[in-house]
Amino acid sequence: NTSTNTTNSTPIVIPLVPILVPVNDRFAVYIIDNEQKGSYILTLNKKSMLINAAGGADGLRLLKTVKNIGVAKLDRFIITNNLDDNIAGAPQIILRTSPIDLIHSGIPSTSSYYKQYTSLYPNSTILPSDKVISFDDSIVDLIVPYDDGNALTSDNSIVVKVTYGGNKLLFTSDCAIDCESRISNVEADVLISNGGCDSLNLAFLQDVSPELVIF
């Protein structure tokens, strides 16, 4: 005779994780669901742009997404500020995707991740003031709060505004009250933010006048 011992157990339900796939011949924005800060991938006509790179499990998810959507080599990699949550994955992104252009503020940081990514990519583009760049058929306004002659504060995130056709998207990252009060040219259809409790004040939202806010 054989017997089967059974014990009570609680099944573990593993949530389904959506796999992001390529969007060909159209403008696409991929918003990565990070634990902390936001990472965003934009693609258009086989061109690619990454905004910020989290580390740890978020960094692995980001690298997987980059590969899933068919990006072997990034065209542009923008780091909006040097908070660890935004740059911990930067060294891996540089090593795995060999960005053609890395853009950041150039404001020094004591973070070990800052030292790693600046040593891996010494010829990066420093952004001392507002700048307009192209991204295939779209226009990208890089808006900085630290070029108005006032003393620097810790609230110094680069804001990225992308215009494609009649659509305008504004990526504010960690731009908080001080940053929001020091920038212009922010009107957009879609506002994408890290959603900090010291951001998205009413006056700024009125200036942006978005149809959709994602945070």
N, C-alpha and C. Protein backbone atom coordinates (compact mmCIF):
# COMPACT_ATOMS: atom_id res chain seq x y z
N ASN A 1 0.83 -1.19 0.00
CA ASN A 1 0.00 0.00 0.00
C ASN A 1 0.86 1.24 0.00
N THR A 2 0.42 2.21 -0.76
CA THR A 2 1.14 3.48 -0.75
C THR A 2 0.19 4.56 -0.27
N SER A 3 0.72 5.49 0.42
CA SER A 3 -0.11 6.58 0.92
C SER A 3 0.53 7.90 0.52
N THR A 4 -0.30 8.87 0.39
CA THR A 4 0.17 10.20 0.02
C THR A 4 -0.07 11.15 1.17
N ASN A 5 0.99 11.75 1.65
CA ASN A 5 0.86 12.73 2.71
C ASN A 5 0.55 14.08 2.09
N THR A 6 -0.49 14.69 2.56
CA THR A 6 -0.85 16.01 2.05
C THR A 6 -0.78 17.02 3.18
N THR A 7 -0.35 18.19 2.85
CA THR A 7 -0.28 19.28 3.83
C THR A 7 -0.99 20.49 3.26
N ASN A 8 -1.56 21.26 4.14
CA ASN A 8 -2.21 22.47 3.70
C ASN A 8 -1.18 23.47 3.22
N SER A 9 -1.43 24.09 2.11
CA SER A 9 -0.49 25.07 1.57
C SER A 9 -1.27 26.19 0.92
N THR A 10 -0.65 27.35 0.91
CA THR A 10 -1.24 28.52 0.27
C THR A 10 -0.55 28.74 -1.06
N PRO A 11 -1.27 28.73 -2.15
CA PRO A 11 -0.62 28.93 -3.45
C PRO A 11 -0.06 30.34 -3.57
N ILE A 12 1.06 30.45 -4.24
CA ILE A 12 1.68 31.74 -4.48
C ILE A 12 1.25 32.22 -5.86
N VAL A 13 0.60 33.34 -5.87
CA VAL A 13 0.12 33.90 -7.13
C VAL A 13 1.17 34.89 -7.65
N ILE A 14 1.72 34.59 -8.80
CA ILE A 14 2.72 35.45 -9.41
C ILE A 14 2.02 36.38 -10.39
N PRO A 15 2.08 37.69 -10.15
CA PRO A 15 1.37 38.61 -11.05
C PRO A 15 1.97 38.59 -12.44
N LEU A 16 1.11 38.73 -13.42
CA LEU A 16 1.56 38.79 -14.80
C LEU A 16 2.29 40.11 -15.04
N VAL A 17 3.45 40.03 -15.65
CA VAL A 17 4.22 41.23 -15.96
C VAL A 17 4.09 41.49 -17.46
N PRO A 18 3.53 42.63 -17.84
CA PRO A 18 3.38 42.89 -19.28
C PRO A 18 4.74 43.01 -19.95
N ILE A 19 4.86 42.42 -21.12
CA ILE A 19 6.08 42.52 -21.90
C ILE A 19 5.88 43.60 -22.95
N LEU A 20 6.70 44.63 -22.89
CA LEU A 20 6.60 45.71 -23.86
C LEU A 20 7.27 45.28 -25.15
N VAL A 21 6.63 45.56 -26.26
CA VAL A 21 7.11 45.11 -27.56
C VAL A 21 7.37 46.32 -28.46
N PRO A 22 8.11 46.12 -29.54
CA PRO A 22 8.43 47.25 -30.42
C PRO A 22 7.19 47.86 -31.07
N VAL A 23 7.26 49.16 -31.28
CA VAL A 23 6.24 49.87 -32.06
C VAL A 23 6.97 50.43 -33.28
N ASN A 24 6.71 49.88 -34.43
CA ASN A 24 7.46 50.24 -35.63
C ASN A 24 6.80 51.40 -36.37
N ASP A 25 7.64 52.29 -36.87
CA ASP A 25 7.20 53.38 -37.76
C ASP A 25 6.22 54.35 -37.10
N ARG A 26 6.18 54.36 -35.78
CA ARG A 26 5.36 55.32 -35.06
C ARG A 26 6.13 55.81 -33.83
N PHE A 27 5.69 56.91 -33.29
CA PHE A 27 6.30 57.45 -32.07
C PHE A 27 5.77 56.66 -30.87
N ALA A 28 6.68 56.17 -30.03
CA ALA A 28 6.27 55.36 -28.88
C ALA A 28 6.96 55.85 -27.62
N VAL A 29 6.23 55.81 -26.52
CA VAL A 29 6.78 56.16 -25.21
C VAL A 29 6.53 54.98 -24.27
N TYR A 30 7.59 54.46 -23.70
CA TYR A 30 7.50 53.35 -22.76
C TYR A 30 7.80 53.90 -21.36
N ILE A 31 6.85 53.73 -20.45
CA ILE A 31 7.01 54.20 -19.08
C ILE A 31 7.28 52.98 -18.20
N ILE A 32 8.45 52.93 -17.60
CA ILE A 32 8.86 51.76 -16.82
C ILE A 32 8.36 51.90 -15.39
N ASP A 33 7.70 50.89 -14.89
CA ASP A 33 7.11 50.91 -13.55
C ASP A 33 8.18 50.58 -12.51
N ASN A 34 8.96 51.58 -12.14
CA ASN A 34 10.02 51.39 -11.15
C ASN A 34 9.49 51.47 -9.73
N GLU A 35 10.27 50.93 -8.79
CA GLU A 35 9.90 51.03 -7.38
C GLU A 35 10.00 52.47 -6.90
N GLN A 36 10.99 53.20 -7.39
CA GLN A 36 11.23 54.56 -6.91
C GLN A 36 11.04 55.57 -8.04
N LYS A 37 12.11 55.92 -8.72
CA LYS A 37 12.04 56.96 -9.75
C LYS A 37 11.62 56.38 -11.09
N GLY A 38 11.32 57.29 -12.02
CA GLY A 38 10.85 56.86 -13.32
C GLY A 38 11.96 56.73 -14.35
N SER A 39 11.81 55.76 -15.24
CA SER A 39 12.66 55.64 -16.42
C SER A 39 11.73 55.58 -17.63
N TYR A 40 12.13 56.25 -18.71
CA TYR A 40 11.27 56.35 -19.88
C TYR A 40 12.09 56.09 -21.13
N ILE A 41 11.53 55.30 -22.05
CA ILE A 41 12.18 55.03 -23.32
C ILE A 41 11.29 55.58 -24.43
N LEU A 42 11.89 56.33 -25.34
CA LEU A 42 11.17 56.85 -26.50
C LEU A 42 11.78 56.26 -27.75
N THR A 43 10.94 55.85 -28.68
CA THR A 43 11.43 55.34 -29.96
C THR A 43 10.66 55.99 -31.09
N LEU A 44 11.35 56.19 -32.20
CA LEU A 44 10.75 56.78 -33.40
C LEU A 44 11.61 56.44 -34.60
N ASN A 45 11.02 55.72 -35.55
CA ASN A 45 11.73 55.37 -36.79
C ASN A 45 13.12 54.78 -36.52
N LYS A 46 13.15 53.81 -35.62
CA LYS A 46 14.37 53.08 -35.27
C LYS A 46 15.39 53.93 -34.50
N LYS A 47 14.99 55.13 -34.08
CA LYS A 47 15.80 55.92 -33.18
C LYS A 47 15.31 55.69 -31.75
N SER A 48 16.21 55.84 -30.77
CA SER A 48 15.82 55.55 -29.39
C SER A 48 16.42 56.58 -28.43
N MET A 49 15.67 56.86 -27.38
CA MET A 49 16.14 57.79 -26.35
C MET A 49 15.68 57.29 -24.99
N LEU A 50 16.59 57.26 -24.04
CA LEU A 50 16.30 56.82 -22.68
C LEU A 50 16.45 58.00 -21.73
N ILE A 51 15.48 58.15 -20.83
CA ILE A 51 15.55 59.17 -19.79
C ILE A 51 15.68 58.46 -18.45
N ASN A 52 16.84 58.61 -17.81
CA ASN A 52 17.16 58.05 -16.49
C ASN A 52 17.27 56.52 -16.52
N ALA A 53 18.03 56.01 -15.55
CA ALA A 53 18.26 54.57 -15.50
C ALA A 53 18.37 54.12 -14.05
N ALA A 54 17.31 53.51 -13.57
CA ALA A 54 17.32 52.97 -12.22
C ALA A 54 18.22 51.75 -12.14
N GLY A 55 18.54 51.32 -10.94
CA GLY A 55 19.41 50.16 -10.75
C GLY A 55 18.67 49.00 -10.11
N GLY A 56 19.42 47.98 -9.70
CA GLY A 56 18.83 46.83 -9.03
C GLY A 56 17.84 46.10 -9.91
N ALA A 57 16.75 45.63 -9.30
CA ALA A 57 15.71 44.92 -10.05
C ALA A 57 15.09 45.82 -11.11
N ASP A 58 14.95 47.11 -10.80
CA ASP A 58 14.42 48.05 -11.79
C ASP A 58 15.36 48.15 -12.98
N GLY A 59 16.66 48.13 -12.72
CA GLY A 59 17.64 48.20 -13.80
C GLY A 59 17.59 46.98 -14.70
N LEU A 60 17.40 45.80 -14.10
CA LEU A 60 17.28 44.59 -14.90
C LEU A 60 16.03 44.63 -15.76
N ARG A 61 14.93 45.14 -15.19
CA ARG A 61 13.69 45.28 -15.96
C ARG A 61 13.88 46.26 -17.10
N LEU A 62 14.61 47.33 -16.83
CA LEU A 62 14.86 48.34 -17.86
C LEU A 62 15.69 47.76 -19.00
N LEU A 63 16.76 47.05 -18.68
CA LEU A 63 17.59 46.43 -19.72
C LEU A 63 16.79 45.42 -20.53
N LYS A 64 15.94 44.66 -19.85
CA LYS A 64 15.11 43.67 -20.56
C LYS A 64 14.17 44.38 -21.53
N THR A 65 13.57 45.48 -21.08
CA THR A 65 12.66 46.22 -21.94
C THR A 65 13.38 46.80 -23.14
N VAL A 66 14.57 47.37 -22.90
CA VAL A 66 15.37 47.92 -24.00
C VAL A 66 15.62 46.85 -25.06
N LYS A 67 15.97 45.66 -24.63
CA LYS A 67 16.23 44.58 -25.59
C LYS A 67 14.95 44.10 -26.25
N ASN A 68 13.86 44.00 -25.47
CA ASN A 68 12.59 43.51 -26.02
C ASN A 68 12.06 44.40 -27.14
N ILE A 69 12.27 45.70 -27.00
CA ILE A 69 11.73 46.60 -28.03
C ILE A 69 12.72 46.80 -29.18
N GLY A 70 13.78 46.01 -29.18
CA GLY A 70 14.68 45.97 -30.32
C GLY A 70 15.76 47.03 -30.35
N VAL A 71 16.08 47.61 -29.20
CA VAL A 71 17.14 48.63 -29.15
C VAL A 71 18.46 47.95 -28.80
N ALA A 72 19.37 47.92 -29.75
CA ALA A 72 20.70 47.35 -29.50
C ALA A 72 21.68 48.45 -29.11
N LYS A 73 21.48 49.64 -29.66
CA LYS A 73 22.37 50.77 -29.39
C LYS A 73 21.53 52.03 -29.22
N LEU A 74 21.58 52.62 -28.04
CA LEU A 74 20.80 53.83 -27.78
C LEU A 74 21.35 55.01 -28.57
N ASP A 75 20.47 55.84 -29.09
CA ASP A 75 20.92 57.07 -29.74
C ASP A 75 21.19 58.16 -28.71
N ARG A 76 20.27 58.34 -27.77
CA ARG A 76 20.46 59.37 -26.74
C ARG A 76 20.11 58.79 -25.37
N PHE A 77 20.90 59.16 -24.39
CA PHE A 77 20.67 58.77 -23.00
C PHE A 77 20.73 60.06 -22.17
N ILE A 78 19.60 60.44 -21.58
CA ILE A 78 19.51 61.68 -20.82
C ILE A 78 19.37 61.36 -19.34
N ILE A 79 20.25 61.94 -18.53
CA ILE A 79 20.17 61.81 -17.08
C ILE A 79 19.70 63.14 -16.53
N THR A 80 18.53 63.17 -15.91
CA THR A 80 17.94 64.44 -15.50
C THR A 80 18.55 65.01 -14.23
N ASN A 81 19.01 64.15 -13.33
CA ASN A 81 19.76 64.61 -12.15
C ASN A 81 20.53 63.42 -11.60
N ASN A 82 21.37 63.68 -10.61
CA ASN A 82 22.28 62.63 -10.13
C ASN A 82 21.82 61.97 -8.83
N LEU A 83 20.52 61.93 -8.60
CA LEU A 83 20.02 61.13 -7.49
C LEU A 83 20.25 59.65 -7.81
N ASP A 84 20.65 58.89 -6.81
CA ASP A 84 21.01 57.50 -7.05
C ASP A 84 19.89 56.71 -7.73
N ASP A 85 18.63 57.00 -7.38
CA ASP A 85 17.52 56.26 -7.99
C ASP A 85 17.44 56.46 -9.50
N ASN A 86 18.03 57.55 -10.00
CA ASN A 86 18.00 57.83 -11.44
C ASN A 86 19.24 57.36 -12.18
N ILE A 87 20.33 57.08 -11.45
CA ILE A 87 21.60 56.80 -12.13
C ILE A 87 22.24 55.47 -11.75
N ALA A 88 21.62 54.73 -10.84
CA ALA A 88 22.25 53.48 -10.39
C ALA A 88 22.42 52.50 -11.54
N GLY A 89 21.55 52.56 -12.54
CA GLY A 89 21.67 51.66 -13.68
C GLY A 89 22.43 52.24 -14.85
N ALA A 90 22.93 53.49 -14.70
CA ALA A 90 23.63 54.14 -15.82
C ALA A 90 24.87 53.38 -16.29
N PRO A 91 25.73 52.90 -15.38
CA PRO A 91 26.90 52.15 -15.86
C PRO A 91 26.53 50.95 -16.72
N GLN A 92 25.50 50.19 -16.29
CA GLN A 92 25.09 49.01 -17.07
C GLN A 92 24.50 49.43 -18.42
N ILE A 93 23.74 50.51 -18.43
CA ILE A 93 23.17 50.98 -19.70
C ILE A 93 24.28 51.37 -20.66
N ILE A 94 25.29 52.06 -20.16
CA ILE A 94 26.41 52.47 -21.02
C ILE A 94 27.15 51.25 -21.56
N LEU A 95 27.39 50.27 -20.69
CA LEU A 95 28.14 49.09 -21.12
C LEU A 95 27.33 48.21 -22.07
N ARG A 96 26.01 48.11 -21.85
CA ARG A 96 25.19 47.18 -22.64
C ARG A 96 24.60 47.80 -23.90
N THR A 97 24.42 49.13 -23.93
CA THR A 97 23.73 49.73 -25.08
C THR A 97 24.58 50.75 -25.82
N SER A 98 25.77 51.07 -25.33
CA SER A 98 26.71 51.97 -26.00
C SER A 98 26.03 53.22 -26.58
N PRO A 99 25.47 54.09 -25.73
CA PRO A 99 24.74 55.26 -26.25
C PRO A 99 25.62 56.13 -27.14
N ILE A 100 25.03 56.66 -28.22
CA ILE A 100 25.76 57.57 -29.09
C ILE A 100 26.01 58.89 -28.38
N ASP A 101 25.03 59.33 -27.58
CA ASP A 101 25.16 60.60 -26.88
C ASP A 101 24.59 60.47 -25.47
N LEU A 102 25.39 60.86 -24.48
CA LEU A 102 24.96 60.90 -23.08
C LEU A 102 24.89 62.36 -22.66
N ILE A 103 23.72 62.78 -22.15
CA ILE A 103 23.49 64.17 -21.79
C ILE A 103 23.17 64.26 -20.31
N HIS A 104 23.87 65.15 -19.60
CA HIS A 104 23.55 65.38 -18.18
C HIS A 104 23.96 66.79 -17.81
N SER A 105 23.65 67.18 -16.59
CA SER A 105 23.85 68.56 -16.17
C SER A 105 25.31 68.93 -15.96
N GLY A 106 26.14 67.96 -15.62
CA GLY A 106 27.53 68.24 -15.30
C GLY A 106 27.72 68.74 -13.88
N ILE A 107 26.64 68.84 -13.11
CA ILE A 107 26.74 69.26 -11.71
C ILE A 107 27.37 68.11 -10.93
N PRO A 108 28.51 68.34 -10.27
CA PRO A 108 29.23 67.25 -9.60
C PRO A 108 28.40 66.57 -8.53
N SER A 109 28.71 65.31 -8.31
CA SER A 109 28.03 64.52 -7.28
C SER A 109 29.05 63.61 -6.60
N THR A 110 28.83 63.33 -5.34
CA THR A 110 29.70 62.40 -4.61
C THR A 110 29.24 60.95 -4.77
N SER A 111 28.17 60.74 -5.50
CA SER A 111 27.65 59.39 -5.69
C SER A 111 28.65 58.52 -6.43
N SER A 112 28.78 57.29 -5.98
CA SER A 112 29.68 56.35 -6.66
C SER A 112 29.17 56.05 -8.07
N TYR A 113 27.85 56.07 -8.26
CA TYR A 113 27.30 55.82 -9.59
C TYR A 113 27.66 56.95 -10.54
N TYR A 114 27.68 58.18 -10.04
CA TYR A 114 28.09 59.33 -10.86
C TYR A 114 29.54 59.14 -11.31
N LYS A 115 30.40 58.75 -10.39
CA LYS A 115 31.81 58.55 -10.74
C LYS A 115 31.97 57.43 -11.76
N GLN A 116 31.15 56.39 -11.63
CA GLN A 116 31.25 55.27 -12.57
C GLN A 116 30.82 55.68 -13.96
N TYR A 117 29.64 56.31 -14.08
CA TYR A 117 29.15 56.59 -15.43
C TYR A 117 29.95 57.70 -16.11
N THR A 118 30.47 58.66 -15.35
CA THR A 118 31.29 59.70 -15.98
C THR A 118 32.65 59.17 -16.40
N SER A 119 33.16 58.17 -15.70
CA SER A 119 34.42 57.57 -16.12
C SER A 119 34.23 56.64 -17.32
N LEU A 120 33.07 55.99 -17.39
CA LEU A 120 32.79 55.12 -18.53
C LEU A 120 32.47 55.91 -19.79
N TYR A 121 31.94 57.15 -19.60
CA TYR A 121 31.56 57.98 -20.75
C TYR A 121 32.10 59.39 -20.53
N PRO A 122 33.40 59.57 -20.70
CA PRO A 122 34.02 60.88 -20.40
C PRO A 122 33.66 61.97 -21.39
N ASN A 123 33.21 61.62 -22.59
CA ASN A 123 32.91 62.63 -23.62
C ASN A 123 31.42 62.93 -23.71
N SER A 124 30.76 62.96 -22.56
CA SER A 124 29.33 63.22 -22.53
C SER A 124 29.03 64.69 -22.85
N THR A 125 27.77 64.97 -23.15
CA THR A 125 27.33 66.33 -23.43
C THR A 125 26.86 66.99 -22.14
N ILE A 126 27.52 68.06 -21.74
CA ILE A 126 27.15 68.79 -20.53
C ILE A 126 26.13 69.87 -20.91
N LEU A 127 25.15 70.05 -20.07
CA LEU A 127 24.05 70.96 -20.38
C LEU A 127 24.04 72.13 -19.38
N PRO A 128 24.76 73.22 -19.68
CA PRO A 128 24.79 74.36 -18.76
C PRO A 128 23.56 75.25 -18.88
N SER A 129 22.82 75.14 -19.97
CA SER A 129 21.65 75.99 -20.19
C SER A 129 20.67 75.25 -21.10
N ASP A 130 19.51 75.87 -21.32
CA ASP A 130 18.50 75.25 -22.18
C ASP A 130 19.09 74.94 -23.56
N LYS A 131 18.61 73.85 -24.14
CA LYS A 131 19.12 73.45 -25.46
C LYS A 131 18.03 72.72 -26.22
N VAL A 132 18.00 72.90 -27.53
CA VAL A 132 17.06 72.20 -28.39
C VAL A 132 17.84 71.19 -29.23
N ILE A 133 17.41 69.96 -29.22
CA ILE A 133 18.04 68.92 -30.02
C ILE A 133 16.97 68.22 -30.85
N SER A 134 17.39 67.48 -31.84
CA SER A 134 16.45 66.74 -32.67
C SER A 134 16.44 65.28 -32.26
N PHE A 135 15.31 64.66 -32.47
CA PHE A 135 15.17 63.22 -32.27
C PHE A 135 14.33 62.70 -33.42
N ASP A 136 15.04 62.36 -34.49
CA ASP A 136 14.41 61.99 -35.75
C ASP A 136 13.44 63.10 -36.17
N ASP A 137 12.15 62.81 -36.32
CA ASP A 137 11.18 63.82 -36.77
C ASP A 137 10.61 64.65 -35.63
N SER A 138 11.11 64.47 -34.43
CA SER A 138 10.59 65.23 -33.29
C SER A 138 11.64 66.23 -32.81
N ILE A 139 11.16 67.21 -32.04
CA ILE A 139 12.02 68.24 -31.46
C ILE A 139 12.05 68.03 -29.94
N VAL A 140 13.24 68.10 -29.36
CA VAL A 140 13.38 67.91 -27.92
C VAL A 140 13.94 69.19 -27.30
N ASP A 141 13.17 69.79 -26.41
CA ASP A 141 13.63 70.94 -25.63
C ASP A 141 14.15 70.42 -24.29
N LEU A 142 15.43 70.70 -24.02
CA LEU A 142 16.01 70.36 -22.73
C LEU A 142 16.01 71.64 -21.89
N ILE A 143 15.20 71.64 -20.85
CA ILE A 143 14.93 72.85 -20.07
C ILE A 143 15.56 72.70 -18.69
N VAL A 144 16.42 73.64 -18.32
CA VAL A 144 17.12 73.54 -17.04
C VAL A 144 16.73 74.70 -16.12
N PRO A 145 16.66 74.46 -14.81
CA PRO A 145 16.30 75.52 -13.86
C PRO A 145 17.50 76.25 -13.30
N TYR A 146 18.72 75.85 -13.68
CA TYR A 146 19.92 76.38 -13.02
C TYR A 146 20.71 77.36 -13.87
N ASP A 147 20.08 77.92 -14.92
CA ASP A 147 20.83 78.84 -15.80
C ASP A 147 20.30 80.28 -15.70
N ASP A 148 19.59 80.60 -14.61
CA ASP A 148 19.00 81.93 -14.49
C ASP A 148 19.83 82.88 -13.63
N GLY A 149 21.04 82.47 -13.26
CA GLY A 149 21.91 83.33 -12.48
C GLY A 149 21.71 83.23 -10.98
N ASN A 150 20.70 82.47 -10.56
CA ASN A 150 20.47 82.30 -9.12
C ASN A 150 21.31 81.13 -8.60
N ALA A 151 21.50 81.14 -7.29
CA ALA A 151 22.31 80.09 -6.68
C ALA A 151 21.68 78.72 -6.91
N LEU A 152 22.53 77.71 -7.10
CA LEU A 152 22.04 76.36 -7.29
C LEU A 152 21.39 75.84 -6.02
N THR A 153 20.34 75.08 -6.20
CA THR A 153 19.74 74.35 -5.09
C THR A 153 19.80 72.87 -5.44
N SER A 154 19.32 72.04 -4.55
CA SER A 154 19.30 70.60 -4.85
C SER A 154 18.20 70.26 -5.84
N ASP A 155 17.32 71.22 -6.11
CA ASP A 155 16.19 71.01 -7.01
C ASP A 155 16.58 71.46 -8.42
N ASN A 156 17.37 70.63 -9.11
CA ASN A 156 17.98 71.06 -10.37
C ASN A 156 17.79 70.06 -11.50
N SER A 157 16.64 69.41 -11.54
CA SER A 157 16.39 68.41 -12.58
C SER A 157 16.24 69.04 -13.96
N ILE A 158 16.82 68.37 -14.95
CA ILE A 158 16.58 68.74 -16.35
C ILE A 158 15.17 68.28 -16.71
N VAL A 159 14.41 69.17 -17.35
CA VAL A 159 13.07 68.84 -17.81
C VAL A 159 13.13 68.60 -19.32
N VAL A 160 12.51 67.54 -19.79
CA VAL A 160 12.58 67.15 -21.19
C VAL A 160 11.20 67.33 -21.82
N LYS A 161 11.14 68.16 -22.86
CA LYS A 161 9.88 68.38 -23.59
C LYS A 161 10.04 67.88 -25.01
N VAL A 162 9.19 66.97 -25.41
CA VAL A 162 9.27 66.37 -26.74
C VAL A 162 8.04 66.78 -27.54
N THR A 163 8.29 67.33 -28.73
CA THR A 163 7.21 67.75 -29.62
C THR A 163 7.26 66.89 -30.89
N TYR A 164 6.17 66.19 -31.14
CA TYR A 164 6.09 65.35 -32.33
C TYR A 164 4.75 65.61 -33.00
N GLY A 165 4.80 66.20 -34.18
CA GLY A 165 3.56 66.59 -34.84
C GLY A 165 2.84 67.62 -33.98
N GLY A 166 1.58 67.36 -33.69
CA GLY A 166 0.83 68.27 -32.83
C GLY A 166 0.81 67.86 -31.37
N ASN A 167 1.66 66.90 -31.01
CA ASN A 167 1.67 66.38 -29.64
C ASN A 167 2.89 66.87 -28.87
N LYS A 168 2.67 67.27 -27.62
CA LYS A 168 3.76 67.73 -26.76
C LYS A 168 3.73 66.94 -25.46
N LEU A 169 4.89 66.36 -25.11
CA LEU A 169 5.02 65.59 -23.88
C LEU A 169 6.09 66.23 -23.02
N LEU A 170 5.81 66.37 -21.72
CA LEU A 170 6.74 67.00 -20.80
C LEU A 170 7.13 66.00 -19.72
N PHE A 171 8.43 65.67 -19.67
CA PHE A 171 8.96 64.75 -18.66
C PHE A 171 9.66 65.59 -17.59
N THR A 172 9.05 65.68 -16.39
CA THR A 172 9.60 66.58 -15.37
C THR A 172 10.47 65.88 -14.34
N SER A 173 10.51 64.56 -14.36
CA SER A 173 11.37 63.81 -13.45
C SER A 173 11.15 64.27 -12.02
N ASP A 174 12.21 64.77 -11.34
CA ASP A 174 12.11 65.18 -9.93
C ASP A 174 11.95 66.69 -9.77
N CYS A 175 11.63 67.39 -10.84
CA CYS A 175 11.47 68.85 -10.77
C CYS A 175 10.39 69.19 -9.74
N ALA A 176 10.79 69.87 -8.66
CA ALA A 176 9.87 70.20 -7.57
C ALA A 176 9.55 71.70 -7.59
N ILE A 177 9.05 72.21 -6.47
CA ILE A 177 8.50 73.57 -6.44
C ILE A 177 9.50 74.61 -6.92
N ASP A 178 10.75 74.57 -6.43
CA ASP A 178 11.74 75.57 -6.83
C ASP A 178 12.05 75.44 -8.32
N CYS A 179 12.26 74.22 -8.77
CA CYS A 179 12.53 73.96 -10.19
C CYS A 179 11.36 74.42 -11.05
N GLU A 180 10.15 74.07 -10.64
CA GLU A 180 8.96 74.43 -11.43
C GLU A 180 8.79 75.93 -11.57
N SER A 181 9.22 76.68 -10.55
CA SER A 181 9.04 78.13 -10.58
C SER A 181 10.11 78.83 -11.42
N ARG A 182 11.14 78.09 -11.86
CA ARG A 182 12.27 78.71 -12.55
C ARG A 182 12.36 78.33 -14.02
N ILE A 183 11.35 77.63 -14.54
CA ILE A 183 11.41 77.21 -15.93
C ILE A 183 10.19 77.73 -16.69
N SER A 184 10.31 77.80 -18.01
CA SER A 184 9.22 78.24 -18.88
C SER A 184 9.16 77.30 -20.08
N ASN A 185 8.30 77.62 -21.03
CA ASN A 185 8.11 76.77 -22.21
C ASN A 185 7.68 75.37 -21.80
N VAL A 186 6.69 75.30 -20.92
CA VAL A 186 6.29 74.00 -20.37
C VAL A 186 4.90 73.53 -20.82
N GLU A 187 4.23 74.28 -21.66
CA GLU A 187 2.90 73.85 -22.09
C GLU A 187 2.98 72.51 -22.81
N ALA A 188 2.12 71.58 -22.43
CA ALA A 188 2.18 70.23 -23.01
C ALA A 188 0.83 69.55 -22.91
N ASP A 189 0.63 68.56 -23.79
CA ASP A 189 -0.59 67.75 -23.76
C ASP A 189 -0.51 66.68 -22.68
N VAL A 190 0.70 66.12 -22.50
CA VAL A 190 0.89 65.05 -21.53
C VAL A 190 2.03 65.44 -20.59
N LEU A 191 1.79 65.33 -19.30
CA LEU A 191 2.79 65.63 -18.27
C LEU A 191 3.13 64.34 -17.56
N ILE A 192 4.42 63.97 -17.58
CA ILE A 192 4.89 62.72 -16.96
C ILE A 192 5.89 63.08 -15.87
N SER A 193 5.59 62.70 -14.63
CA SER A 193 6.37 63.14 -13.48
C SER A 193 6.65 61.96 -12.56
N ASN A 194 7.71 62.10 -11.73
CA ASN A 194 7.95 61.11 -10.68
C ASN A 194 6.95 61.27 -9.54
N GLY A 195 6.22 62.39 -9.53
CA GLY A 195 5.10 62.53 -8.60
C GLY A 195 5.49 62.76 -7.16
N GLY A 196 6.63 63.42 -6.92
CA GLY A 196 7.02 63.72 -5.54
C GLY A 196 6.00 64.64 -4.88
N CYS A 197 5.88 64.53 -3.54
CA CYS A 197 4.86 65.31 -2.84
C CYS A 197 5.17 66.81 -2.87
N ASP A 198 6.40 67.19 -3.24
CA ASP A 198 6.74 68.61 -3.35
C ASP A 198 6.76 69.08 -4.81
N SER A 199 6.06 68.36 -5.67
CA SER A 199 6.00 68.72 -7.09
C SER A 199 4.56 68.87 -7.53
N LEU A 200 4.39 69.26 -8.80
CA LEU A 200 3.06 69.40 -9.41
C LEU A 200 2.18 70.39 -8.65
N ASN A 201 2.76 71.57 -8.34
CA ASN A 201 1.94 72.57 -7.67
C ASN A 201 0.95 73.17 -8.66
N LEU A 202 -0.09 73.81 -8.13
CA LEU A 202 -1.20 74.26 -8.96
C LEU A 202 -0.77 75.25 -10.03
N ALA A 203 0.10 76.21 -9.67
CA ALA A 203 0.54 77.21 -10.65
C ALA A 203 1.26 76.55 -11.82
N PHE A 204 2.07 75.55 -11.52
CA PHE A 204 2.80 74.85 -12.58
C PHE A 204 1.83 74.07 -13.46
N LEU A 205 0.88 73.38 -12.86
CA LEU A 205 -0.10 72.64 -13.65
C LEU A 205 -0.90 73.56 -14.55
N GLN A 206 -1.18 74.76 -14.07
CA GLN A 206 -1.89 75.72 -14.91
C GLN A 206 -1.04 76.17 -16.08
N ASP A 207 0.28 76.31 -15.86
CA ASP A 207 1.18 76.69 -16.95
C ASP A 207 1.27 75.57 -18.00
N VAL A 208 1.35 74.34 -17.52
CA VAL A 208 1.46 73.21 -18.44
C VAL A 208 0.13 72.96 -19.14
N SER A 209 -0.96 73.04 -18.41
CA SER A 209 -2.31 72.82 -18.93
C SER A 209 -2.42 71.48 -19.67
N PRO A 210 -2.06 70.38 -19.01
CA PRO A 210 -2.06 69.08 -19.70
C PRO A 210 -3.46 68.47 -19.81
N GLU A 211 -3.63 67.63 -20.82
CA GLU A 211 -4.84 66.84 -20.92
C GLU A 211 -4.72 65.57 -20.10
N LEU A 212 -3.47 65.14 -19.87
CA LEU A 212 -3.22 63.89 -19.16
C LEU A 212 -1.99 64.06 -18.28
N VAL A 213 -2.06 63.59 -17.02
CA VAL A 213 -0.92 63.59 -16.12
C VAL A 213 -0.63 62.16 -15.72
N ILE A 214 0.62 61.74 -15.85
CA ILE A 214 1.04 60.39 -15.46
C ILE A 214 2.13 60.52 -14.41
N PHE A 215 1.94 59.87 -13.26
CA PHE A 215 2.99 59.90 -12.23
C PHE A 215 2.94 58.66 -11.39
